[in-house]
């Protein structure tokens, strides 16, 4: 839990989940898409991704040469959110933005 308690890591988790929900049928996203969703700089996204079980979308890369990533176990994010939001609401992290 230490690794995912980092604010930027949480923003990347939520950002990937939001992208997935808003783009039905799409599971992998570029760093630029994650950057736009999370409003984090690329270096912070890369550092946060080191804390997560991220999967490189090799099929998309072979087809389009575009680097895209997805979060393994994306289906577990709603449970994680349900557990973490109440605990984090006492902090002024603007997580819900």
N, C-alpha and C. Protein backbone atom coordinates (compact mmCIF):
# COMPACT_ATOMS: atom_id res chain seq x y z
N UNK A 1 0.81 -1.20 0.00
CA UNK A 1 0.00 0.00 0.00
C UNK A 1 0.85 1.26 0.00
N UNK A 2 2.10 1.13 0.47
CA UNK A 2 2.96 2.31 0.49
C UNK A 2 3.12 2.93 -0.88
N UNK A 3 3.33 2.09 -1.89
CA UNK A 3 3.57 2.60 -3.24
C UNK A 3 2.34 3.32 -3.80
N UNK A 4 1.16 2.79 -3.53
CA UNK A 4 -0.03 3.43 -4.11
C UNK A 4 -0.58 4.56 -3.26
N UNK A 5 0.03 4.81 -2.12
CA UNK A 5 -0.43 5.92 -1.29
C UNK A 5 0.14 7.26 -1.74
N UNK A 6 1.09 7.23 -2.67
CA UNK A 6 1.65 8.45 -3.23
C UNK A 6 0.57 9.17 -4.04
N UNK A 7 0.42 10.46 -3.84
CA UNK A 7 -0.65 11.23 -4.49
C UNK A 7 -0.58 11.12 -6.02
N UNK A 8 0.60 11.25 -6.59
CA UNK A 8 0.71 11.17 -8.04
C UNK A 8 0.37 9.77 -8.56
N UNK A 9 0.73 8.76 -7.81
CA UNK A 9 0.38 7.39 -8.19
C UNK A 9 -1.13 7.22 -8.17
N UNK A 10 -1.77 7.76 -7.16
CA UNK A 10 -3.24 7.70 -7.10
C UNK A 10 -3.87 8.44 -8.27
N UNK A 11 -3.31 9.58 -8.61
CA UNK A 11 -3.85 10.34 -9.74
C UNK A 11 -3.72 9.56 -11.05
N UNK A 12 -2.62 8.84 -11.21
CA UNK A 12 -2.45 8.02 -12.42
C UNK A 12 -3.44 6.87 -12.42
N UNK A 13 -3.63 6.22 -11.27
CA UNK A 13 -4.62 5.14 -11.18
C UNK A 13 -6.00 5.66 -11.56
N UNK A 14 -6.41 6.76 -10.92
CA UNK A 14 -7.74 7.32 -11.20
C UNK A 14 -7.83 7.82 -12.64
N UNK A 15 -6.74 8.41 -13.13
CA UNK A 15 -6.73 8.90 -14.50
C UNK A 15 -6.91 7.77 -15.51
N UNK A 16 -6.18 6.67 -15.33
CA UNK A 16 -6.34 5.52 -16.23
C UNK A 16 -7.74 4.95 -16.15
N UNK A 17 -8.28 4.90 -14.95
CA UNK A 17 -9.63 4.37 -14.80
C UNK A 17 -10.65 5.29 -15.48
N UNK A 18 -10.51 6.59 -15.27
CA UNK A 18 -11.43 7.55 -15.92
C UNK A 18 -11.33 7.48 -17.43
N UNK A 19 -10.11 7.37 -17.95
CA UNK A 19 -9.93 7.24 -19.39
C UNK A 19 -10.63 5.98 -19.91
N UNK A 20 -10.47 4.91 -19.16
CA UNK A 20 -11.11 3.64 -19.55
C UNK A 20 -12.64 3.77 -19.56
N UNK A 21 -13.19 4.38 -18.53
CA UNK A 21 -14.65 4.54 -18.43
C UNK A 21 -15.16 5.45 -19.55
N UNK A 22 -14.44 6.53 -19.83
CA UNK A 22 -14.89 7.50 -20.83
C UNK A 22 -14.62 7.09 -22.27
N UNK A 23 -13.84 6.05 -22.46
CA UNK A 23 -13.50 5.56 -23.80
C UNK A 23 -13.84 4.08 -23.87
N UNK A 24 -15.10 3.79 -23.87
CA UNK A 24 -15.58 2.41 -23.81
C UNK A 24 -14.84 1.52 -24.80
N UNK A 25 -14.36 0.39 -24.30
CA UNK A 25 -13.68 -0.57 -25.14
C UNK A 25 -12.19 -0.32 -25.31
N UNK A 26 -11.71 0.81 -24.80
CA UNK A 26 -10.28 1.13 -24.91
C UNK A 26 -9.65 0.91 -23.53
N UNK A 27 -8.55 0.16 -23.52
CA UNK A 27 -7.90 -0.16 -22.25
C UNK A 27 -6.52 0.45 -22.09
N UNK A 28 -5.91 0.89 -23.19
CA UNK A 28 -4.56 1.40 -23.10
C UNK A 28 -4.49 2.84 -23.63
N UNK A 29 -3.58 3.60 -23.03
CA UNK A 29 -3.52 5.03 -23.31
C UNK A 29 -2.07 5.51 -23.36
N UNK A 30 -1.85 6.55 -24.14
CA UNK A 30 -0.51 7.13 -24.27
C UNK A 30 -0.19 7.98 -23.05
N UNK A 31 1.09 8.27 -22.91
CA UNK A 31 1.52 9.15 -21.83
C UNK A 31 0.85 10.52 -21.98
N UNK A 32 0.70 10.97 -23.21
CA UNK A 32 0.06 12.27 -23.46
C UNK A 32 -1.39 12.27 -23.00
N UNK A 33 -2.10 11.17 -23.26
CA UNK A 33 -3.50 11.07 -22.81
C UNK A 33 -3.58 11.05 -21.29
N UNK A 34 -2.65 10.34 -20.66
CA UNK A 34 -2.62 10.27 -19.20
C UNK A 34 -2.26 11.65 -18.63
N UNK A 35 -1.32 12.33 -19.30
CA UNK A 35 -0.91 13.67 -18.87
C UNK A 35 -2.10 14.64 -18.92
N UNK A 36 -2.86 14.58 -19.99
CA UNK A 36 -4.03 15.46 -20.13
C UNK A 36 -5.08 15.15 -19.07
N UNK A 37 -5.29 13.87 -18.79
CA UNK A 37 -6.31 13.46 -17.81
C UNK A 37 -5.91 13.80 -16.38
N UNK A 38 -4.63 13.61 -16.05
CA UNK A 38 -4.18 13.78 -14.66
C UNK A 38 -3.63 15.17 -14.36
N UNK A 39 -3.29 15.91 -15.43
CA UNK A 39 -2.66 17.23 -15.28
C UNK A 39 -1.30 17.13 -14.58
N UNK A 40 -0.65 15.96 -14.72
CA UNK A 40 0.69 15.74 -14.17
C UNK A 40 1.72 15.85 -15.30
N UNK A 41 2.93 16.23 -14.94
CA UNK A 41 4.02 16.26 -15.90
C UNK A 41 4.46 14.84 -16.23
N UNK A 42 5.04 14.66 -17.42
CA UNK A 42 5.42 13.32 -17.89
C UNK A 42 6.36 12.61 -16.93
N UNK A 43 7.33 13.32 -16.36
CA UNK A 43 8.27 12.66 -15.45
C UNK A 43 7.57 12.15 -14.19
N UNK A 44 6.57 12.88 -13.73
CA UNK A 44 5.80 12.43 -12.56
C UNK A 44 4.94 11.23 -12.91
N UNK A 45 4.41 11.21 -14.12
CA UNK A 45 3.61 10.06 -14.57
C UNK A 45 4.50 8.82 -14.65
N UNK A 46 5.68 8.97 -15.25
CA UNK A 46 6.59 7.84 -15.37
C UNK A 46 7.01 7.32 -14.00
N UNK A 47 7.29 8.22 -13.09
CA UNK A 47 7.67 7.81 -11.73
C UNK A 47 6.51 7.07 -11.06
N UNK A 48 5.30 7.59 -11.21
CA UNK A 48 4.13 6.95 -10.62
C UNK A 48 3.89 5.58 -11.24
N UNK A 49 4.11 5.47 -12.55
CA UNK A 49 3.89 4.20 -13.23
C UNK A 49 4.85 3.13 -12.74
N UNK A 50 6.02 3.54 -12.24
CA UNK A 50 6.97 2.57 -11.67
C UNK A 50 6.41 1.91 -10.41
N UNK A 51 5.45 2.56 -9.78
CA UNK A 51 4.83 2.02 -8.57
C UNK A 51 3.65 1.10 -8.86
N UNK A 52 3.28 0.99 -10.14
CA UNK A 52 2.07 0.26 -10.51
C UNK A 52 2.38 -0.93 -11.41
N UNK A 53 1.41 -1.80 -11.52
CA UNK A 53 1.51 -2.94 -12.42
C UNK A 53 0.99 -2.48 -13.78
N UNK A 54 1.88 -1.85 -14.54
CA UNK A 54 1.53 -1.27 -15.84
C UNK A 54 1.91 -2.25 -16.95
N UNK A 55 1.04 -2.34 -17.94
CA UNK A 55 1.27 -3.24 -19.07
C UNK A 55 1.46 -2.41 -20.33
N UNK A 56 2.55 -2.68 -21.04
CA UNK A 56 2.81 -2.02 -22.32
C UNK A 56 1.98 -2.72 -23.38
N UNK A 57 1.24 -1.95 -24.17
CA UNK A 57 0.37 -2.51 -25.21
C UNK A 57 1.19 -2.79 -26.46
N UNK A 58 1.77 -3.98 -26.50
CA UNK A 58 2.66 -4.38 -27.59
C UNK A 58 1.91 -4.47 -28.93
N UNK A 59 0.67 -4.95 -28.90
CA UNK A 59 -0.12 -5.08 -30.13
C UNK A 59 -0.35 -3.73 -30.80
N UNK A 60 -0.72 -2.74 -30.01
CA UNK A 60 -0.93 -1.40 -30.56
C UNK A 60 0.38 -0.84 -31.11
N UNK A 61 1.47 -1.07 -30.39
CA UNK A 61 2.76 -0.56 -30.84
C UNK A 61 3.17 -1.20 -32.16
N UNK A 62 2.97 -2.50 -32.29
CA UNK A 62 3.33 -3.19 -33.53
C UNK A 62 2.48 -2.71 -34.70
N UNK A 63 1.24 -2.37 -34.42
CA UNK A 63 0.31 -1.94 -35.46
C UNK A 63 0.49 -0.46 -35.82
N UNK A 64 0.67 0.41 -34.81
CA UNK A 64 0.65 1.86 -35.04
C UNK A 64 1.95 2.57 -34.66
N UNK A 65 2.85 1.86 -34.00
CA UNK A 65 4.11 2.45 -33.47
C UNK A 65 3.85 3.47 -32.38
N UNK A 66 2.64 3.46 -31.82
CA UNK A 66 2.30 4.37 -30.72
C UNK A 66 2.44 3.62 -29.40
N UNK A 67 3.15 4.24 -28.45
CA UNK A 67 3.33 3.62 -27.14
C UNK A 67 2.11 3.90 -26.27
N UNK A 68 1.47 2.81 -25.85
CA UNK A 68 0.30 2.93 -24.98
C UNK A 68 0.45 1.97 -23.82
N UNK A 69 -0.18 2.35 -22.71
CA UNK A 69 -0.04 1.59 -21.48
C UNK A 69 -1.42 1.37 -20.85
N UNK A 70 -1.51 0.29 -20.11
CA UNK A 70 -2.75 0.04 -19.36
C UNK A 70 -2.38 -0.42 -17.96
N UNK A 71 -3.33 -0.33 -17.09
CA UNK A 71 -3.15 -0.75 -15.71
C UNK A 71 -3.68 -2.17 -15.58
N UNK A 72 -2.80 -3.08 -15.17
CA UNK A 72 -3.24 -4.44 -14.92
C UNK A 72 -4.25 -4.42 -13.78
N UNK A 73 -5.21 -5.28 -13.83
CA UNK A 73 -6.24 -5.38 -12.79
C UNK A 73 -7.08 -4.11 -12.69
N UNK A 74 -7.32 -3.50 -13.83
CA UNK A 74 -8.12 -2.27 -13.88
C UNK A 74 -9.49 -2.46 -13.25
N UNK A 75 -10.00 -3.66 -13.31
CA UNK A 75 -11.31 -3.96 -12.75
C UNK A 75 -11.37 -3.81 -11.24
N UNK A 76 -10.21 -3.75 -10.59
CA UNK A 76 -10.17 -3.63 -9.13
C UNK A 76 -10.11 -2.17 -8.66
N UNK A 77 -9.99 -1.24 -9.58
CA UNK A 77 -9.88 0.18 -9.21
C UNK A 77 -11.11 0.68 -8.46
N UNK A 78 -12.35 0.34 -8.88
CA UNK A 78 -13.49 0.84 -8.10
C UNK A 78 -13.43 0.42 -6.63
N UNK A 79 -12.98 -0.79 -6.36
CA UNK A 79 -12.84 -1.23 -4.97
C UNK A 79 -11.78 -0.40 -4.26
N UNK A 80 -10.67 -0.16 -4.92
CA UNK A 80 -9.61 0.66 -4.35
C UNK A 80 -10.10 2.05 -4.05
N UNK A 81 -10.83 2.63 -4.99
CA UNK A 81 -11.38 3.98 -4.80
C UNK A 81 -12.33 3.99 -3.61
N UNK A 82 -13.19 3.01 -3.54
CA UNK A 82 -14.15 2.93 -2.44
C UNK A 82 -13.44 2.85 -1.09
N UNK A 83 -12.30 2.20 -1.06
CA UNK A 83 -11.55 2.07 0.20
C UNK A 83 -10.76 3.33 0.52
N UNK A 84 -10.21 3.99 -0.49
CA UNK A 84 -9.28 5.09 -0.24
C UNK A 84 -9.92 6.46 -0.09
N UNK A 85 -10.92 6.77 -0.85
CA UNK A 85 -11.50 8.11 -0.83
C UNK A 85 -11.94 8.54 0.57
N UNK A 86 -12.69 7.72 1.29
CA UNK A 86 -13.07 8.17 2.64
C UNK A 86 -11.87 8.46 3.54
N UNK A 87 -10.82 7.67 3.40
CA UNK A 87 -9.64 7.88 4.23
C UNK A 87 -8.88 9.13 3.81
N UNK A 88 -8.92 9.48 2.53
CA UNK A 88 -8.15 10.60 2.03
C UNK A 88 -8.91 11.92 2.06
N UNK A 89 -10.19 11.88 2.29
CA UNK A 89 -10.98 13.11 2.28
C UNK A 89 -10.55 14.10 3.36
N UNK A 90 -9.92 13.60 4.41
CA UNK A 90 -9.48 14.50 5.47
C UNK A 90 -8.28 15.35 5.05
N UNK A 91 -7.61 14.94 3.94
CA UNK A 91 -6.48 15.70 3.42
C UNK A 91 -6.97 16.59 2.28
N UNK A 92 -6.32 17.70 2.10
CA UNK A 92 -6.68 18.61 1.03
C UNK A 92 -5.85 18.30 -0.22
N UNK A 93 -6.09 17.15 -0.81
CA UNK A 93 -5.31 16.72 -1.97
C UNK A 93 -6.02 16.98 -3.29
N UNK A 94 -7.24 17.42 -3.28
CA UNK A 94 -8.02 17.63 -4.50
C UNK A 94 -8.01 16.39 -5.38
N UNK A 95 -8.14 15.23 -4.77
CA UNK A 95 -8.12 13.96 -5.49
C UNK A 95 -9.29 13.86 -6.45
N UNK A 96 -10.40 14.43 -6.11
CA UNK A 96 -11.60 14.26 -6.93
C UNK A 96 -11.59 15.14 -8.17
N UNK A 97 -10.62 16.05 -8.29
CA UNK A 97 -10.55 16.96 -9.46
C UNK A 97 -10.14 16.20 -10.68
